[in-house]
């Protein structure tokens, strides 16, 4: 039996799932603010206990590798590495945008005649981390930061309906005004990692547990708090 632990912590939603032989058999999620560090390991223990197994009974751990929240990605990757080291199982990783594209397909979000899926991770103000996917979930362009304006994605919007999905989608509604644009505000879920994670496992695209790092897309910039501590 093929078992993969799935971890998604790239945005405001923290989730974990267990896949067995190509099916999701256990799932936990929470949108509690700033709780990823306290909930991720708890969720993983819960889904393993639900199936009466341990991490050593699994074949791999797959984590959402970004782009996304710096802190969220660090929590997810650190947890995944700890599980892999402790259980002696391989590490897999899939892109957060791939997960959103898969989620759109599996949850029936595509509008009639949809040609493209554009997953969007919020990068503050009018910037998003994004890429263009086919309606079948194949990535067609490189992942990049984009400052959205009225001309953004005009080349694909002229071809027919386009689904913009993710936690950065809704804020673009006011500037992307094409009648072919459809918006779905949501966060990626661990349950939507099933297909890409299974594909990575079958192809044996394992990551180096010691040196793997999340795909931040931009370097993290620390800021100094203006609050007086004393």
C-alpha atoms as a PDB file:
ATOM      1  CA  UNK A   1       0.000   0.000   0.000  1.00  0.00           C
ATOM      2  CA  UNK A   2       1.359   3.410  -1.052  1.00  0.00           C
ATOM      3  CA  UNK A   3       1.002   6.016   1.709  1.00  0.00           C
ATOM      4  CA  UNK A   4       2.027   9.673   1.436  1.00  0.00           C
ATOM      5  CA  UNK A   5       1.679  12.351   4.129  1.00  0.00           C
ATOM      6  CA  UNK A   6       0.634  15.678   2.557  1.00  0.00           C
ATOM      7  CA  UNK A   7       1.384  19.055   4.185  1.00  0.00           C
ATOM      8  CA  UNK A   8       0.108  22.458   2.974  1.00  0.00           C
ATOM      9  CA  UNK A   9       1.034  25.569   4.990  1.00  0.00           C
ATOM     10  CA  UNK A  10       1.865  28.120   2.275  1.00  0.00           C
ATOM     11  CA  UNK A  11      -1.023  30.514   2.991  1.00  0.00           C
ATOM     12  CA  UNK A  12      -3.485  31.335   5.786  1.00  0.00           C
ATOM     13  CA  UNK A  13      -4.976  27.819   5.717  1.00  0.00           C
ATOM     14  CA  UNK A  14      -3.015  25.120   7.520  1.00  0.00           C
ATOM     15  CA  UNK A  15      -3.869  21.596   6.360  1.00  0.00           C
ATOM     16  CA  UNK A  16      -2.577  18.041   6.325  1.00  0.00           C
ATOM     17  CA  UNK A  17      -3.832  14.879   4.651  1.00  0.00           C
ATOM     18  CA  UNK A  18      -2.965  11.232   4.235  1.00  0.00           C
ATOM     19  CA  UNK A  19      -3.100   9.548   0.830  1.00  0.00           C
ATOM     20  CA  UNK A  20      -3.397   5.778   0.521  1.00  0.00           C
ATOM     21  CA  UNK A  21      -3.254   4.112  -2.886  1.00  0.00           C
ATOM     22  CA  UNK A  22      -4.345   7.236  -4.730  1.00  0.00           C
ATOM     23  CA  UNK A  23      -7.116   8.326  -2.332  1.00  0.00           C
ATOM     24  CA  UNK A  24      -7.343  10.846   0.491  1.00  0.00           C
ATOM     25  CA  UNK A  25      -8.280   8.839   3.586  1.00  0.00           C
ATOM     26  CA  UNK A  26      -7.746  11.429   6.356  1.00  0.00           C
ATOM     27  CA  UNK A  27      -7.727  15.223   6.401  1.00  0.00           C
ATOM     28  CA  UNK A  28      -7.429  18.145   8.838  1.00  0.00           C
ATOM     29  CA  UNK A  29      -7.464  21.902   8.269  1.00  0.00           C
ATOM     30  CA  UNK A  30      -7.648  25.182  10.179  1.00  0.00           C
ATOM     31  CA  UNK A  31      -7.685  28.856   9.222  1.00  0.00           C
ATOM     32  CA  UNK A  32      -6.824  29.979  12.761  1.00  0.00           C
ATOM     33  CA  UNK A  33      -4.432  32.953  12.404  1.00  0.00           C
ATOM     34  CA  UNK A  34      -0.733  32.381  13.091  1.00  0.00           C
ATOM     35  CA  UNK A  35      -1.328  28.820  14.276  1.00  0.00           C
ATOM     36  CA  UNK A  36       0.630  26.855  11.661  1.00  0.00           C
ATOM     37  CA  UNK A  37       3.528  26.134  14.023  1.00  0.00           C
ATOM     38  CA  UNK A  38       1.238  24.790  16.728  1.00  0.00           C
ATOM     39  CA  UNK A  39      -1.217  22.886  14.516  1.00  0.00           C
ATOM     40  CA  UNK A  40       0.782  21.221  11.731  1.00  0.00           C
ATOM     41  CA  UNK A  41       2.342  18.460  13.834  1.00  0.00           C
ATOM     42  CA  UNK A  42      -0.938  17.998  15.712  1.00  0.00           C
ATOM     43  CA  UNK A  43      -2.824  17.480  12.444  1.00  0.00           C
ATOM     44  CA  UNK A  44      -0.283  14.948  11.199  1.00  0.00           C
ATOM     45  CA  UNK A  45      -0.482  12.949  14.428  1.00  0.00           C
ATOM     46  CA  UNK A  46      -4.296  13.021  14.199  1.00  0.00           C
ATOM     47  CA  UNK A  47      -4.439  11.670  10.649  1.00  0.00           C
ATOM     48  CA  UNK A  48      -1.912   8.931  11.433  1.00  0.00           C
ATOM     49  CA  UNK A  49      -3.748   7.960  14.625  1.00  0.00           C
ATOM     50  CA  UNK A  50      -6.998   7.856  12.650  1.00  0.00           C
ATOM     51  CA  UNK A  51      -5.493   5.105  10.486  1.00  0.00           C
ATOM     52  CA  UNK A  52      -3.670   3.438  13.420  1.00  0.00           C
ATOM     53  CA  UNK A  53      -0.271   3.862  11.800  1.00  0.00           C
ATOM     54  CA  UNK A  54       2.951   5.787  12.379  1.00  0.00           C
ATOM     55  CA  UNK A  55       5.155   7.864  10.092  1.00  0.00           C
ATOM     56  CA  UNK A  56       7.378   4.810   9.531  1.00  0.00           C
ATOM     57  CA  UNK A  57       4.419   3.051   7.933  1.00  0.00           C
ATOM     58  CA  UNK A  58       4.321   5.729   5.204  1.00  0.00           C
ATOM     59  CA  UNK A  59       6.296   5.795   1.974  1.00  0.00           C
ATOM     60  CA  UNK A  60       6.990   9.540   1.713  1.00  0.00           C
ATOM     61  CA  UNK A  61       6.128  13.016   2.930  1.00  0.00           C
ATOM     62  CA  UNK A  62       5.111  15.683   0.404  1.00  0.00           C
ATOM     63  CA  UNK A  63       5.131  19.381   1.276  1.00  0.00           C
ATOM     64  CA  UNK A  64       3.865  22.448  -0.551  1.00  0.00           C
ATOM     65  CA  UNK A  65       7.082  24.236  -1.485  1.00  0.00           C
ATOM     66  CA  UNK A  66       5.782  27.708  -2.375  1.00  0.00           C
ATOM     67  CA  UNK A  67       5.565  30.422  -3.317  1.00  0.00           C
ATOM     68  CA  UNK A  68       3.692  31.659  -0.283  1.00  0.00           C
ATOM     69  CA  UNK A  69       4.083  32.933   3.254  1.00  0.00           C
ATOM     70  CA  UNK A  70       7.687  32.857   4.459  1.00  0.00           C
ATOM     71  CA  UNK A  71       6.729  31.674   7.935  1.00  0.00           C
ATOM     72  CA  UNK A  72       4.132  29.197   6.702  1.00  0.00           C
ATOM     73  CA  UNK A  73       6.533  27.619   4.235  1.00  0.00           C
ATOM     74  CA  UNK A  74       9.236  27.318   6.893  1.00  0.00           C
ATOM     75  CA  UNK A  75       6.829  25.546   9.238  1.00  0.00           C
ATOM     76  CA  UNK A  76       5.681  23.098   6.572  1.00  0.00           C
ATOM     77  CA  UNK A  77       9.143  22.261   5.267  1.00  0.00           C
ATOM     78  CA  UNK A  78      10.656  21.947   8.749  1.00  0.00           C
ATOM     79  CA  UNK A  79       7.879  19.589   9.813  1.00  0.00           C
ATOM     80  CA  UNK A  80       8.222  17.516   6.644  1.00  0.00           C
ATOM     81  CA  UNK A  81      11.991  17.230   7.095  1.00  0.00           C
ATOM     82  CA  UNK A  82      11.590  16.168  10.719  1.00  0.00           C
ATOM     83  CA  UNK A  83       9.184  13.415   9.710  1.00  0.00           C
ATOM     84  CA  UNK A  84      11.509  12.219   6.942  1.00  0.00           C
ATOM     85  CA  UNK A  85      14.577  12.172   9.193  1.00  0.00           C
ATOM     86  CA  UNK A  86      12.747  10.447  12.032  1.00  0.00           C
ATOM     87  CA  UNK A  87      10.966   7.831   9.933  1.00  0.00           C
ATOM     88  CA  UNK A  88      13.677   7.333   7.327  1.00  0.00           C
ATOM     89  CA  UNK A  89      11.333   8.059   4.405  1.00  0.00           C
ATOM     90  CA  UNK A  90      11.870  10.304   1.345  1.00  0.00           C
ATOM     91  CA  UNK A  91      10.792  13.921   0.904  1.00  0.00           C
ATOM     92  CA  UNK A  92       8.675  15.171  -1.999  1.00  0.00           C
ATOM     93  CA  UNK A  93       7.632  18.734  -2.843  1.00  0.00           C
ATOM     94  CA  UNK A  94       5.072  20.274  -5.195  1.00  0.00           C
ATOM     95  CA  UNK A  95       4.438  23.878  -6.169  1.00  0.00           C
ATOM     96  CA  UNK A  96       1.687  25.818  -4.415  1.00  0.00           C
ATOM     97  CA  UNK A  97       0.348  27.063  -7.747  1.00  0.00           C
ATOM     98  CA  UNK A  98       0.130  23.474  -9.011  1.00  0.00           C
ATOM     99  CA  UNK A  99      -1.976  22.632  -5.970  1.00  0.00           C
ATOM    100  CA  UNK A 100      -4.389  25.494  -6.648  1.00  0.00           C
ATOM    101  CA  UNK A 101      -4.749  24.486 -10.293  1.00  0.00           C
ATOM    102  CA  UNK A 102      -5.497  20.912  -9.250  1.00  0.00           C
ATOM    103  CA  UNK A 103      -7.969  22.142  -6.643  1.00  0.00           C
ATOM    104  CA  UNK A 104      -9.858  24.111  -9.285  1.00  0.00           C
ATOM    105  CA  UNK A 105     -10.178  21.001 -11.454  1.00  0.00           C
ATOM    106  CA  UNK A 106     -11.092  18.549  -8.694  1.00  0.00           C
ATOM    107  CA  UNK A 107     -13.652  20.811  -7.016  1.00  0.00           C
ATOM    108  CA  UNK A 108     -15.408  21.657 -10.279  1.00  0.00           C
ATOM    109  CA  UNK A 109     -14.589  25.357 -10.242  1.00  0.00           C
ATOM    110  CA  UNK A 110     -13.871  25.744 -13.959  1.00  0.00           C
ATOM    111  CA  UNK A 111     -16.464  27.838 -15.834  1.00  0.00           C
ATOM    112  CA  UNK A 112     -17.919  26.415 -19.039  1.00  0.00           C
ATOM    113  CA  UNK A 113     -15.430  26.689 -21.884  1.00  0.00           C
ATOM    114  CA  UNK A 114     -12.532  27.557 -19.553  1.00  0.00           C
ATOM    115  CA  UNK A 115      -9.221  27.629 -21.426  1.00  0.00           C
ATOM    116  CA  UNK A 116      -6.813  28.631 -18.671  1.00  0.00           C
ATOM    117  CA  UNK A 117      -6.352  28.543 -14.896  1.00  0.00           C
ATOM    118  CA  UNK A 118      -4.351  31.343 -13.255  1.00  0.00           C
ATOM    119  CA  UNK A 119      -3.513  30.532  -9.624  1.00  0.00           C
ATOM    120  CA  UNK A 120      -2.630  33.625  -7.576  1.00  0.00           C
ATOM    121  CA  UNK A 121      -0.830  33.812  -4.228  1.00  0.00           C
ATOM    122  CA  UNK A 122      -1.209  37.186  -2.545  1.00  0.00           C
ATOM    123  CA  UNK A 123       2.052  39.153  -2.375  1.00  0.00           C
ATOM    124  CA  UNK A 124       0.472  42.326  -0.882  1.00  0.00           C
ATOM    125  CA  UNK A 125      -0.737  45.479  -2.583  1.00  0.00           C
ATOM    126  CA  UNK A 126      -1.556  44.610  -6.225  1.00  0.00           C
ATOM    127  CA  UNK A 127       1.221  42.041  -6.598  1.00  0.00           C
ATOM    128  CA  UNK A 128       0.678  38.282  -6.838  1.00  0.00           C
ATOM    129  CA  UNK A 129       2.823  35.214  -7.387  1.00  0.00           C
ATOM    130  CA  UNK A 130       1.325  33.506 -10.398  1.00  0.00           C
ATOM    131  CA  UNK A 131       1.634  31.421 -13.552  1.00  0.00           C
ATOM    132  CA  UNK A 132      -0.703  30.328 -16.337  1.00  0.00           C
ATOM    133  CA  UNK A 133      -1.963  26.723 -16.427  1.00  0.00           C
ATOM    134  CA  UNK A 134      -4.024  24.900 -19.011  1.00  0.00           C
ATOM    135  CA  UNK A 135      -7.547  23.780 -18.095  1.00  0.00           C
ATOM    136  CA  UNK A 136      -6.026  20.293 -17.654  1.00  0.00           C
ATOM    137  CA  UNK A 137      -3.573  21.531 -15.018  1.00  0.00           C
ATOM    138  CA  UNK A 138      -0.371  21.771 -17.079  1.00  0.00           C
ATOM    139  CA  UNK A 139       1.831  24.762 -16.245  1.00  0.00           C
ATOM    140  CA  UNK A 140       2.382  26.889 -19.362  1.00  0.00           C
ATOM    141  CA  UNK A 141       4.439  29.823 -18.041  1.00  0.00           C
ATOM    142  CA  UNK A 142       7.117  30.303 -15.404  1.00  0.00           C
ATOM    143  CA  UNK A 143       6.094  31.206 -11.858  1.00  0.00           C
ATOM    144  CA  UNK A 144       6.721  34.918 -11.344  1.00  0.00           C
ATOM    145  CA  UNK A 145       5.715  37.951  -9.268  1.00  0.00           C
ATOM    146  CA  UNK A 146       3.263  40.121 -11.225  1.00  0.00           C
ATOM    147  CA  UNK A 147       1.913  43.569 -10.449  1.00  0.00           C
ATOM    148  CA  UNK A 148      -1.651  43.302 -11.717  1.00  0.00           C
ATOM    149  CA  UNK A 149      -3.161  46.097 -13.825  1.00  0.00           C
ATOM    150  CA  UNK A 150      -5.901  46.477 -16.399  1.00  0.00           C
ATOM    151  CA  UNK A 151      -3.781  44.927 -19.166  1.00  0.00           C
ATOM    152  CA  UNK A 152      -2.695  41.864 -17.195  1.00  0.00           C
ATOM    153  CA  UNK A 153      -3.519  38.517 -18.867  1.00  0.00           C
ATOM    154  CA  UNK A 154      -5.245  40.265 -21.786  1.00  0.00           C
ATOM    155  CA  UNK A 155      -3.603  37.824 -24.212  1.00  0.00           C
ATOM    156  CA  UNK A 156      -5.344  34.789 -22.716  1.00  0.00           C
ATOM    157  CA  UNK A 157      -8.600  36.512 -21.734  1.00  0.00           C
ATOM    158  CA  UNK A 158      -9.352  37.197 -25.400  1.00  0.00           C
ATOM    159  CA  UNK A 159      -9.412  33.427 -26.037  1.00  0.00           C
ATOM    160  CA  UNK A 160     -12.277  32.650 -23.656  1.00  0.00           C
ATOM    161  CA  UNK A 161     -13.077  32.122 -19.952  1.00  0.00           C
ATOM    162  CA  UNK A 162     -10.152  32.198 -17.521  1.00  0.00           C
ATOM    163  CA  UNK A 163     -10.329  31.155 -13.868  1.00  0.00           C
ATOM    164  CA  UNK A 164      -8.295  33.226 -11.411  1.00  0.00           C
ATOM    165  CA  UNK A 165      -7.993  31.257  -8.179  1.00  0.00           C
ATOM    166  CA  UNK A 166      -6.190  31.708  -4.863  1.00  0.00           C
ATOM    167  CA  UNK A 167      -5.911  34.095  -1.950  1.00  0.00           C
ATOM    168  CA  UNK A 168      -4.753  36.824  -4.354  1.00  0.00           C
ATOM    169  CA  UNK A 169      -7.626  36.452  -6.820  1.00  0.00           C
ATOM    170  CA  UNK A 170     -10.412  38.609  -5.394  1.00  0.00           C
ATOM    171  CA  UNK A 171      -8.339  41.790  -5.117  1.00  0.00           C
ATOM    172  CA  UNK A 172      -7.735  41.607  -8.888  1.00  0.00           C
ATOM    173  CA  UNK A 173     -11.437  41.717  -9.731  1.00  0.00           C
ATOM    174  CA  UNK A 174     -11.483  45.540  -9.708  1.00  0.00           C
ATOM    175  CA  UNK A 175      -8.689  45.847 -12.304  1.00  0.00           C
ATOM    176  CA  UNK A 176      -9.192  42.743 -14.484  1.00  0.00           C
ATOM    177  CA  UNK A 177     -12.613  43.626 -15.857  1.00  0.00           C
ATOM    178  CA  UNK A 178     -12.854  41.333 -18.892  1.00  0.00           C
ATOM    179  CA  UNK A 179     -16.179  39.445 -19.055  1.00  0.00           C
ATOM    180  CA  UNK A 180     -14.091  36.288 -19.562  1.00  0.00           C
ATOM    181  CA  UNK A 181     -12.486  36.631 -16.124  1.00  0.00           C
ATOM    182  CA  UNK A 182     -13.860  34.447 -13.301  1.00  0.00           C
ATOM    183  CA  UNK A 183     -12.552  34.776  -9.736  1.00  0.00           C
ATOM    184  CA  UNK A 184     -12.419  32.260  -6.887  1.00  0.00           C
ATOM    185  CA  UNK A 185     -10.921  33.422  -3.597  1.00  0.00           C
ATOM    186  CA  UNK A 186      -9.562  30.439  -1.652  1.00  0.00           C
ATOM    187  CA  UNK A 187      -6.443  28.891  -0.128  1.00  0.00           C
ATOM    188  CA  UNK A 188      -4.657  25.742  -1.325  1.00  0.00           C
ATOM    189  CA  UNK A 189      -5.524  22.519   0.541  1.00  0.00           C
ATOM    190  CA  UNK A 190      -3.430  19.465   1.309  1.00  0.00           C
ATOM    191  CA  UNK A 191      -6.145  17.253  -0.166  1.00  0.00           C
ATOM    192  CA  UNK A 192      -5.514  18.813  -3.599  1.00  0.00           C
ATOM    193  CA  UNK A 193      -1.877  17.669  -3.452  1.00  0.00           C
ATOM    194  CA  UNK A 194      -2.860  14.071  -4.188  1.00  0.00           C
ATOM    195  CA  UNK A 195      -2.319  13.975  -7.963  1.00  0.00           C
ATOM    196  CA  UNK A 196       0.923  15.997  -8.166  1.00  0.00           C
ATOM    197  CA  UNK A 197       2.377  14.267  -5.086  1.00  0.00           C
ATOM    198  CA  UNK A 198       1.582  10.806  -6.459  1.00  0.00           C
ATOM    199  CA  UNK A 199       3.185  11.779  -9.748  1.00  0.00           C
ATOM    200  CA  UNK A 200       6.352  12.953  -8.001  1.00  0.00           C
ATOM    201  CA  UNK A 201       6.518   9.723  -6.000  1.00  0.00           C
ATOM    202  CA  UNK A 202       6.081   7.444  -9.013  1.00  0.00           C
ATOM    203  CA  UNK A 203       8.812   9.362 -10.857  1.00  0.00           C
ATOM    204  CA  UNK A 204      11.025   9.167  -7.730  1.00  0.00           C
ATOM    205  CA  UNK A 205      11.665  12.902  -7.741  1.00  0.00           C
ATOM    206  CA  UNK A 206      12.856  12.922  -4.146  1.00  0.00           C
ATOM    207  CA  UNK A 207      14.341  16.019  -2.529  1.00  0.00           C
ATOM    208  CA  UNK A 208      17.530  16.185  -0.494  1.00  0.00           C
ATOM    209  CA  UNK A 209      16.176  16.229   3.056  1.00  0.00           C
ATOM    210  CA  UNK A 210      19.229  18.040   4.417  1.00  0.00           C
ATOM    211  CA  UNK A 211      19.437  20.838   1.863  1.00  0.00           C
ATOM    212  CA  UNK A 212      15.936  21.344   0.445  1.00  0.00           C
ATOM    213  CA  UNK A 213      14.591  24.891   0.848  1.00  0.00           C
ATOM    214  CA  UNK A 214      11.133  26.335   0.083  1.00  0.00           C
ATOM    215  CA  UNK A 215      10.569  28.289  -3.127  1.00  0.00           C
ATOM    216  CA  UNK A 216      10.128  31.792  -1.723  1.00  0.00           C
ATOM    217  CA  UNK A 217      10.384  33.489  -5.153  1.00  0.00           C
ATOM    218  CA  UNK A 218      11.504  36.643  -3.335  1.00  0.00           C
ATOM    219  CA  UNK A 219      14.077  36.948  -0.588  1.00  0.00           C
ATOM    220  CA  UNK A 220      12.656  37.429   2.891  1.00  0.00           C
ATOM    221  CA  UNK A 221      13.192  40.966   4.195  1.00  0.00           C
ATOM    222  CA  UNK A 222      13.046  41.398   7.970  1.00  0.00           C
ATOM    223  CA  UNK A 223      11.706  44.678   9.330  1.00  0.00           C
ATOM    224  CA  UNK A 224      12.316  46.365  12.650  1.00  0.00           C
ATOM    225  CA  UNK A 225       9.286  46.802  14.860  1.00  0.00           C
ATOM    226  CA  UNK A 226       8.325  50.394  15.661  1.00  0.00           C
ATOM    227  CA  UNK A 227       6.816  49.368  18.981  1.00  0.00           C
ATOM    228  CA  UNK A 228       8.851  50.248  22.059  1.00  0.00           C
ATOM    229  CA  UNK A 229       9.668  47.205  24.114  1.00  0.00           C
ATOM    230  CA  UNK A 230      10.678  49.139  27.215  1.00  0.00           C
END
